[in-house]
Structures are given as structure tokens and as C-alpha cells.
């Protein structure tokens, strides 16, 4: 992906504001980094929908005074 100079500066600013670190992954390292997708990301992809369904399930949430659902707690 190629960006113009001004787009590059804007992208870096957006990532910094989002408190996200950018990393340049050199060409040819995909096969060496792929194990992360199997070990870490797979667990997250399994865990997250289960937690979402528990939170969104009927009667499993508290309401704020306006009647909307409370934000989920992060544990």
C-alpha cells in the first residue's frame, strides 16, 4: 500500500491518537508470523463471540436509569 506524504502523516497521526503502534513487517516474514494467528487470534475469535452472546442474552444485563444497557465490565 502506497500513501502520499500527506496521507502518510495523517495516517500516523490517526494511529497515534488511537494509541496504536504501527509496525513495518518486512517482506517474506508472513510465514514466520502466522503462528500468532493460530495461537492467539484463534483463542480470541472463539472467546469473544461466547462472551458477547452471554452479555447480549435476554435478562443478562443491567439497565441505566434511561433504560439502556450498561456497558460491559472488562475483567
PDB file of N, CA and C in Angstrom:
ATOM      1  N   UNK A   1       0.844  -1.166   0.000  1.00  0.00           N
ATOM      2  CA  UNK A   1       0.000   0.000   0.000  1.00  0.00           C
ATOM      3  C   UNK A   1       0.892   1.232   0.000  1.00  0.00           C
ATOM      4  N   UNK A   2       0.669   2.110  -0.917  1.00  0.00           N
ATOM      5  CA  UNK A   2       1.469   3.327  -1.010  1.00  0.00           C
ATOM      6  C   UNK A   2       0.602   4.533  -0.678  1.00  0.00           C
ATOM      7  N   UNK A   3       1.126   5.396   0.155  1.00  0.00           N
ATOM      8  CA  UNK A   3       0.421   6.612   0.530  1.00  0.00           C
ATOM      9  C   UNK A   3       1.234   7.814   0.097  1.00  0.00           C
ATOM     10  N   UNK A   4       0.541   8.911  -0.194  1.00  0.00           N
ATOM     11  CA  UNK A   4       1.260  10.149  -0.453  1.00  0.00           C
ATOM     12  C   UNK A   4       1.807  10.652   0.876  1.00  0.00           C
ATOM     13  N   UNK A   5       2.677  11.624   0.822  1.00  0.00           N
ATOM     14  CA  UNK A   5       3.299  12.149   2.035  1.00  0.00           C
ATOM     15  C   UNK A   5       2.254  12.667   3.022  1.00  0.00           C
ATOM     16  N   UNK A   6       1.280  13.432   2.539  1.00  0.00           N
ATOM     17  CA  UNK A   6       0.264  13.985   3.446  1.00  0.00           C
ATOM     18  C   UNK A   6      -0.636  12.883   4.005  1.00  0.00           C
ATOM     19  N   UNK A   7      -0.943  11.870   3.196  1.00  0.00           N
ATOM     20  CA  UNK A   7      -1.748  10.745   3.689  1.00  0.00           C
ATOM     21  C   UNK A   7      -0.984   9.960   4.752  1.00  0.00           C
ATOM     22  N   UNK A   8       0.314   9.810   4.533  1.00  0.00           N
ATOM     23  CA  UNK A   8       1.158   9.080   5.478  1.00  0.00           C
ATOM     24  C   UNK A   8       1.174   9.793   6.833  1.00  0.00           C
ATOM     25  N   UNK A   9       1.329  11.107   6.801  1.00  0.00           N
ATOM     26  CA  UNK A   9       1.351  11.893   8.041  1.00  0.00           C
ATOM     27  C   UNK A   9       0.002  11.804   8.744  1.00  0.00           C
ATOM     28  N   UNK A  10      -1.086  11.905   7.991  1.00  0.00           N
ATOM     29  CA  UNK A  10      -2.427  11.812   8.573  1.00  0.00           C
ATOM     30  C   UNK A  10      -2.667  10.429   9.175  1.00  0.00           C
ATOM     31  N   UNK A  11      -2.242   9.386   8.475  1.00  0.00           N
ATOM     32  CA  UNK A  11      -2.419   8.021   8.980  1.00  0.00           C
ATOM     33  C   UNK A  11      -1.648   7.830  10.281  1.00  0.00           C
ATOM     34  N   UNK A  12      -0.402   8.304  10.326  1.00  0.00           N
ATOM     35  CA  UNK A  12       0.396   8.182  11.553  1.00  0.00           C
ATOM     36  C   UNK A  12      -0.268   8.929  12.704  1.00  0.00           C
ATOM     37  N   UNK A  13      -0.825  10.105  12.418  1.00  0.00           N
ATOM     38  CA  UNK A  13      -1.493  10.894  13.452  1.00  0.00           C
ATOM     39  C   UNK A  13      -2.727  10.155  13.978  1.00  0.00           C
ATOM     40  N   UNK A  14      -3.509   9.576  13.081  1.00  0.00           N
ATOM     41  CA  UNK A  14      -4.716   8.843  13.484  1.00  0.00           C
ATOM     42  C   UNK A  14      -4.368   7.645  14.365  1.00  0.00           C
ATOM     43  N   UNK A  15      -3.330   6.912  13.977  1.00  0.00           N
ATOM     44  CA  UNK A  15      -2.927   5.760  14.781  1.00  0.00           C
ATOM     45  C   UNK A  15      -2.405   6.198  16.142  1.00  0.00           C
ATOM     46  N   UNK A  16      -1.665   7.307  16.181  1.00  0.00           N
ATOM     47  CA  UNK A  16      -1.140   7.802  17.454  1.00  0.00           C
ATOM     48  C   UNK A  16      -2.285   8.216  18.373  1.00  0.00           C
ATOM     49  N   UNK A  17      -3.290   8.910  17.825  1.00  0.00           N
ATOM     50  CA  UNK A  17      -4.445   9.323  18.625  1.00  0.00           C
ATOM     51  C   UNK A  17      -5.215   8.115  19.149  1.00  0.00           C
ATOM     52  N   UNK A  18      -5.214   7.032  18.388  1.00  0.00           N
ATOM     53  CA  UNK A  18      -5.899   5.810  18.807  1.00  0.00           C
ATOM     54  C   UNK A  18      -5.017   4.950  19.709  1.00  0.00           C
ATOM     55  N   UNK A  19      -3.844   5.488  20.073  1.00  0.00           N
ATOM     56  CA  UNK A  19      -2.887   4.781  20.924  1.00  0.00           C
ATOM     57  C   UNK A  19      -2.544   3.410  20.348  1.00  0.00           C
ATOM     58  N   UNK A  20      -2.287   3.402  19.039  1.00  0.00           N
ATOM     59  CA  UNK A  20      -1.949   2.185  18.316  1.00  0.00           C
ATOM     60  C   UNK A  20      -0.539   2.316  17.764  1.00  0.00           C
ATOM     61  N   UNK A  21       0.258   1.294  17.952  1.00  0.00           N
ATOM     62  CA  UNK A  21       1.622   1.300  17.436  1.00  0.00           C
ATOM     63  C   UNK A  21       1.643   0.654  16.054  1.00  0.00           C
ATOM     64  N   UNK A  22       2.325   1.302  15.136  1.00  0.00           N
ATOM     65  CA  UNK A  22       2.482   0.754  13.797  1.00  0.00           C
ATOM     66  C   UNK A  22       3.779  -0.040  13.735  1.00  0.00           C
ATOM     67  N   UNK A  23       3.760  -1.092  12.974  1.00  0.00           N
ATOM     68  CA  UNK A  23       4.967  -1.890  12.779  1.00  0.00           C
ATOM     69  C   UNK A  23       5.099  -2.212  11.300  1.00  0.00           C
ATOM     70  N   UNK A  24       6.303  -2.098  10.800  1.00  0.00           N
ATOM     71  CA  UNK A  24       6.572  -2.473   9.418  1.00  0.00           C
ATOM     72  C   UNK A  24       7.058  -3.911   9.438  1.00  0.00           C
ATOM     73  N   UNK A  25       6.349  -4.767   8.730  1.00  0.00           N
ATOM     74  CA  UNK A  25       6.721  -6.178   8.665  1.00  0.00           C
ATOM     75  C   UNK A  25       7.405  -6.406   7.324  1.00  0.00           C
ATOM     76  N   UNK A  26       8.676  -6.733   7.367  1.00  0.00           N
ATOM     77  CA  UNK A  26       9.414  -6.923   6.118  1.00  0.00           C
ATOM     78  C   UNK A  26       8.837  -8.052   5.270  1.00  0.00           C
ATOM     79  N   UNK A  27       8.985  -7.889   3.977  1.00  0.00           N
ATOM     80  CA  UNK A  27       8.515  -8.885   3.029  1.00  0.00           C
ATOM     81  C   UNK A  27       9.154 -10.241   3.334  1.00  0.00           C
ATOM     82  N   UNK A  28       8.369 -11.294   3.237  1.00  0.00           N
ATOM     83  CA  UNK A  28       8.882 -12.642   3.437  1.00  0.00           C
ATOM     84  C   UNK A  28       8.746 -13.166   4.857  1.00  0.00           C
ATOM     85  N   UNK A  29       8.271 -12.337   5.796  1.00  0.00           N
ATOM     86  CA  UNK A  29       8.145 -12.792   7.182  1.00  0.00           C
ATOM     87  C   UNK A  29       6.747 -13.301   7.536  1.00  0.00           C
ATOM     88  N   UNK A  30       5.819 -13.247   6.603  1.00  0.00           N
ATOM     89  CA  UNK A  30       4.457 -13.675   6.892  1.00  0.00           C
ATOM     90  C   UNK A  30       4.420 -15.100   7.431  1.00  0.00           C
ATOM     91  N   UNK A  31       5.170 -15.994   6.822  1.00  0.00           N
ATOM     92  CA  UNK A  31       5.138 -17.394   7.261  1.00  0.00           C
ATOM     93  C   UNK A  31       5.672 -17.550   8.677  1.00  0.00           C
ATOM     94  N   UNK A  32       6.586 -16.682   9.080  1.00  0.00           N
ATOM     95  CA  UNK A  32       7.136 -16.767  10.430  1.00  0.00           C
ATOM     96  C   UNK A  32       6.201 -16.138  11.460  1.00  0.00           C
ATOM     97  N   UNK A  33       5.363 -15.201  11.030  1.00  0.00           N
ATOM     98  CA  UNK A  33       4.443 -14.534  11.949  1.00  0.00           C
ATOM     99  C   UNK A  33       3.077 -15.206  12.006  1.00  0.00           C
ATOM    100  N   UNK A  34       2.784 -16.080  11.082  1.00  0.00           N
ATOM    101  CA  UNK A  34       1.483 -16.743  11.009  1.00  0.00           C
ATOM    102  C   UNK A  34       1.114 -17.516  12.276  1.00  0.00           C
ATOM    103  N   UNK A  35       2.056 -18.098  13.025  1.00  0.00           N
ATOM    104  CA  UNK A  35       1.658 -18.815  14.247  1.00  0.00           C
ATOM    105  C   UNK A  35       0.848 -17.968  15.225  1.00  0.00           C
ATOM    106  N   UNK A  36       1.038 -16.656  15.229  1.00  0.00           N
ATOM    107  CA  UNK A  36       0.228 -15.801  16.099  1.00  0.00           C
ATOM    108  C   UNK A  36      -1.248 -15.916  15.747  1.00  0.00           C
ATOM    109  N   UNK A  37      -1.541 -16.028  14.464  1.00  0.00           N
ATOM    110  CA  UNK A  37      -2.933 -16.138  14.038  1.00  0.00           C
ATOM    111  C   UNK A  37      -3.551 -17.438  14.533  1.00  0.00           C
ATOM    112  N   UNK A  38      -2.757 -18.475  14.625  1.00  0.00           N
ATOM    113  CA  UNK A  38      -3.260 -19.776  15.069  1.00  0.00           C
ATOM    114  C   UNK A  38      -3.382 -19.828  16.587  1.00  0.00           C
ATOM    115  N   UNK A  39      -2.396 -19.307  17.298  1.00  0.00           N
ATOM    116  CA  UNK A  39      -2.397 -19.444  18.752  1.00  0.00           C
ATOM    117  C   UNK A  39      -3.182 -18.344  19.463  1.00  0.00           C
ATOM    118  N   UNK A  40      -2.877 -17.101  19.210  1.00  0.00           N
ATOM    119  CA  UNK A  40      -3.501 -16.003  19.950  1.00  0.00           C
ATOM    120  C   UNK A  40      -4.836 -15.589  19.336  1.00  0.00           C
ATOM    121  N   UNK A  41      -4.844 -15.291  18.052  1.00  0.00           N
ATOM    122  CA  UNK A  41      -6.071 -14.803  17.421  1.00  0.00           C
ATOM    123  C   UNK A  41      -7.180 -15.841  17.440  1.00  0.00           C
ATOM    124  N   UNK A  42      -6.843 -17.109  17.288  1.00  0.00           N
ATOM    125  CA  UNK A  42      -7.864 -18.157  17.304  1.00  0.00           C
ATOM    126  C   UNK A  42      -8.580 -18.182  18.654  1.00  0.00           C
ATOM    127  N   UNK A  43      -7.821 -18.096  19.740  1.00  0.00           N
ATOM    128  CA  UNK A  43      -8.441 -18.082  21.067  1.00  0.00           C
ATOM    129  C   UNK A  43      -9.362 -16.874  21.226  1.00  0.00           C
ATOM    130  N   UNK A  44      -8.909 -15.729  20.753  1.00  0.00           N
ATOM    131  CA  UNK A  44      -9.725 -14.521  20.840  1.00  0.00           C
ATOM    132  C   UNK A  44     -11.006 -14.669  20.028  1.00  0.00           C
ATOM    133  N   UNK A  45     -10.886 -15.220  18.821  1.00  0.00           N
ATOM    134  CA  UNK A  45     -12.049 -15.368  17.949  1.00  0.00           C
ATOM    135  C   UNK A  45     -13.064 -16.360  18.513  1.00  0.00           C
ATOM    136  N   UNK A  46     -12.611 -17.309  19.321  1.00  0.00           N
ATOM    137  CA  UNK A  46     -13.525 -18.253  19.963  1.00  0.00           C
ATOM    138  C   UNK A  46     -14.136 -17.612  21.212  1.00  0.00           C
ATOM    139  N   UNK A  47     -13.308 -16.956  22.009  1.00  0.00           N
ATOM    140  CA  UNK A  47     -13.734 -16.391  23.289  1.00  0.00           C
ATOM    141  C   UNK A  47     -14.697 -15.217  23.117  1.00  0.00           C
ATOM    142  N   UNK A  48     -14.401 -14.322  22.203  1.00  0.00           N
ATOM    143  CA  UNK A  48     -15.175 -13.088  22.080  1.00  0.00           C
ATOM    144  C   UNK A  48     -16.648 -13.326  21.744  1.00  0.00           C
ATOM    145  N   UNK A  49     -17.000 -14.142  20.751  1.00  0.00           N
ATOM    146  CA  UNK A  49     -18.428 -14.366  20.479  1.00  0.00           C
ATOM    147  C   UNK A  49     -19.165 -15.005  21.658  1.00  0.00           C
ATOM    148  N   UNK A  50     -18.485 -15.889  22.396  1.00  0.00           N
ATOM    149  CA  UNK A  50     -19.122 -16.509  23.563  1.00  0.00           C
ATOM    150  C   UNK A  50     -19.470 -15.445  24.603  1.00  0.00           C
ATOM    151  N   UNK A  51     -18.514 -14.560  24.883  1.00  0.00           N
ATOM    152  CA  UNK A  51     -18.746 -13.500  25.861  1.00  0.00           C
ATOM    153  C   UNK A  51     -19.809 -12.523  25.371  1.00  0.00           C
ATOM    154  N   UNK A  52     -19.785 -12.205  24.091  1.00  0.00           N
ATOM    155  CA  UNK A  52     -20.778 -11.289  23.512  1.00  0.00           C
ATOM    156  C   UNK A  52     -22.180 -11.880  23.654  1.00  0.00           C
ATOM    157  N   UNK A  53     -22.320 -13.156  23.338  1.00  0.00           N
ATOM    158  CA  UNK A  53     -23.631 -13.800  23.434  1.00  0.00           C
ATOM    159  C   UNK A  53     -24.126 -13.853  24.876  1.00  0.00           C
ATOM    160  N   UNK A  54     -23.209 -14.095  25.824  1.00  0.00           N
ATOM    161  CA  UNK A  54     -23.609 -14.091  27.235  1.00  0.00           C
ATOM    162  C   UNK A  54     -24.091 -12.708  27.651  1.00  0.00           C
ATOM    163  N   UNK A  55     -23.369 -11.679  27.214  1.00  0.00           N
ATOM    164  CA  UNK A  55     -23.719 -10.315  27.601  1.00  0.00           C
ATOM    165  C   UNK A  55     -25.018  -9.862  26.944  1.00  0.00           C
ATOM    166  N   UNK A  56     -25.221 -10.239  25.676  1.00  0.00           N
ATOM    167  CA  UNK A  56     -26.402  -9.796  24.945  1.00  0.00           C
ATOM    168  C   UNK A  56     -27.630 -10.660  25.209  1.00  0.00           C
ATOM    169  N   UNK A  57     -27.451 -11.796  25.864  1.00  0.00           N
ATOM    170  CA  UNK A  57     -28.568 -12.696  26.122  1.00  0.00           C
ATOM    171  C   UNK A  57     -29.673 -12.023  26.920  1.00  0.00           C
ATOM    172  N   UNK A  58     -30.892 -12.497  26.765  1.00  0.00           N
ATOM    173  CA  UNK A  58     -32.019 -11.879  27.469  1.00  0.00           C
ATOM    174  C   UNK A  58     -31.866 -11.989  28.983  1.00  0.00           C
ATOM    175  N   UNK A  59     -32.075 -10.867  29.663  1.00  0.00           N
ATOM    176  CA  UNK A  59     -32.035 -10.849  31.119  1.00  0.00           C
ATOM    177  C   UNK A  59     -30.647 -10.887  31.717  1.00  0.00           C
ATOM    178  N   UNK A  60     -29.613 -10.843  30.906  1.00  0.00           N
ATOM    179  CA  UNK A  60     -28.251 -10.928  31.427  1.00  0.00           C
ATOM    180  C   UNK A  60     -27.554  -9.577  31.508  1.00  0.00           C
ATOM    181  N   UNK A  61     -28.303  -8.498  31.543  1.00  0.00           N
ATOM    182  CA  UNK A  61     -27.670  -7.194  31.605  1.00  0.00           C
ATOM    183  C   UNK A  61     -28.466  -6.251  32.506  1.00  0.00           C
ATOM    184  N   UNK A  62     -27.746  -5.290  33.057  1.00  0.00           N
ATOM    185  CA  UNK A  62     -28.372  -4.270  33.884  1.00  0.00           C
ATOM    186  C   UNK A  62     -28.660  -3.054  33.019  1.00  0.00           C
ATOM    187  N   UNK A  63     -29.630  -2.269  33.456  1.00  0.00           N
ATOM    188  CA  UNK A  63     -30.005  -1.079  32.704  1.00  0.00           C
ATOM    189  C   UNK A  63     -29.613   0.173  33.479  1.00  0.00           C
ATOM    190  N   UNK A  64     -29.309   1.228  32.735  1.00  0.00           N
ATOM    191  CA  UNK A  64     -29.066   2.523  33.357  1.00  0.00           C
ATOM    192  C   UNK A  64     -30.422   3.205  33.515  1.00  0.00           C
ATOM    193  N   UNK A  65     -30.507   4.309  34.268  1.00  0.00           N
ATOM    194  CA  UNK A  65     -31.806   4.950  34.519  1.00  0.00           C
ATOM    195  C   UNK A  65     -32.617   5.289  33.260  1.00  0.00           C
ATOM    196  N   UNK A  66     -31.957   5.518  32.126  1.00  0.00           N
ATOM    197  CA  UNK A  66     -32.696   5.843  30.900  1.00  0.00           C
ATOM    198  C   UNK A  66     -33.248   4.603  30.209  1.00  0.00           C
ATOM    199  N   UNK A  67     -32.938   3.410  30.744  1.00  0.00           N
ATOM    200  CA  UNK A  67     -33.455   2.179  30.162  1.00  0.00           C
ATOM    201  C   UNK A  67     -32.514   1.496  29.190  1.00  0.00           C
ATOM    202  N   UNK A  68     -31.368   2.085  28.938  1.00  0.00           N
ATOM    203  CA  UNK A  68     -30.393   1.465  28.033  1.00  0.00           C
ATOM    204  C   UNK A  68     -29.501   0.504  28.817  1.00  0.00           C
ATOM    205  N   UNK A  69     -28.884  -0.440  28.090  1.00  0.00           N
ATOM    206  CA  UNK A  69     -27.998  -1.405  28.742  1.00  0.00           C
ATOM    207  C   UNK A  69     -26.741  -0.725  29.262  1.00  0.00           C
ATOM    208  N   UNK A  70     -26.270  -1.197  30.423  1.00  0.00           N
ATOM    209  CA  UNK A  70     -24.994  -0.725  30.951  1.00  0.00           C
ATOM    210  C   UNK A  70     -23.872  -1.253  30.079  1.00  0.00           C
ATOM    211  N   UNK A  71     -22.778  -0.530  30.077  1.00  0.00           N
ATOM    212  CA  UNK A  71     -21.593  -1.003  29.361  1.00  0.00           C
ATOM    213  C   UNK A  71     -21.091  -2.283  30.013  1.00  0.00           C
ATOM    214  N   UNK A  72     -20.481  -3.159  29.230  1.00  0.00           N
ATOM    215  CA  UNK A  72     -19.932  -4.373  29.837  1.00  0.00           C
ATOM    216  C   UNK A  72     -18.708  -4.030  30.672  1.00  0.00           C
ATOM    217  N   UNK A  73     -18.494  -4.796  31.712  1.00  0.00           N
ATOM    218  CA  UNK A  73     -17.291  -4.603  32.513  1.00  0.00           C
ATOM    219  C   UNK A  73     -16.159  -5.392  31.880  1.00  0.00           C
ATOM    220  N   UNK A  74     -14.981  -4.869  31.990  1.00  0.00           N
ATOM    221  CA  UNK A  74     -13.808  -5.559  31.456  1.00  0.00           C
ATOM    222  C   UNK A  74     -13.102  -6.202  32.629  1.00  0.00           C
ATOM    223  N   UNK A  75     -13.021  -7.517  32.597  1.00  0.00           N
ATOM    224  CA  UNK A  75     -12.381  -8.231  33.704  1.00  0.00           C
ATOM    225  C   UNK A  75     -11.159  -8.964  33.238  1.00  0.00           C
TER     226      UNK A  75
END
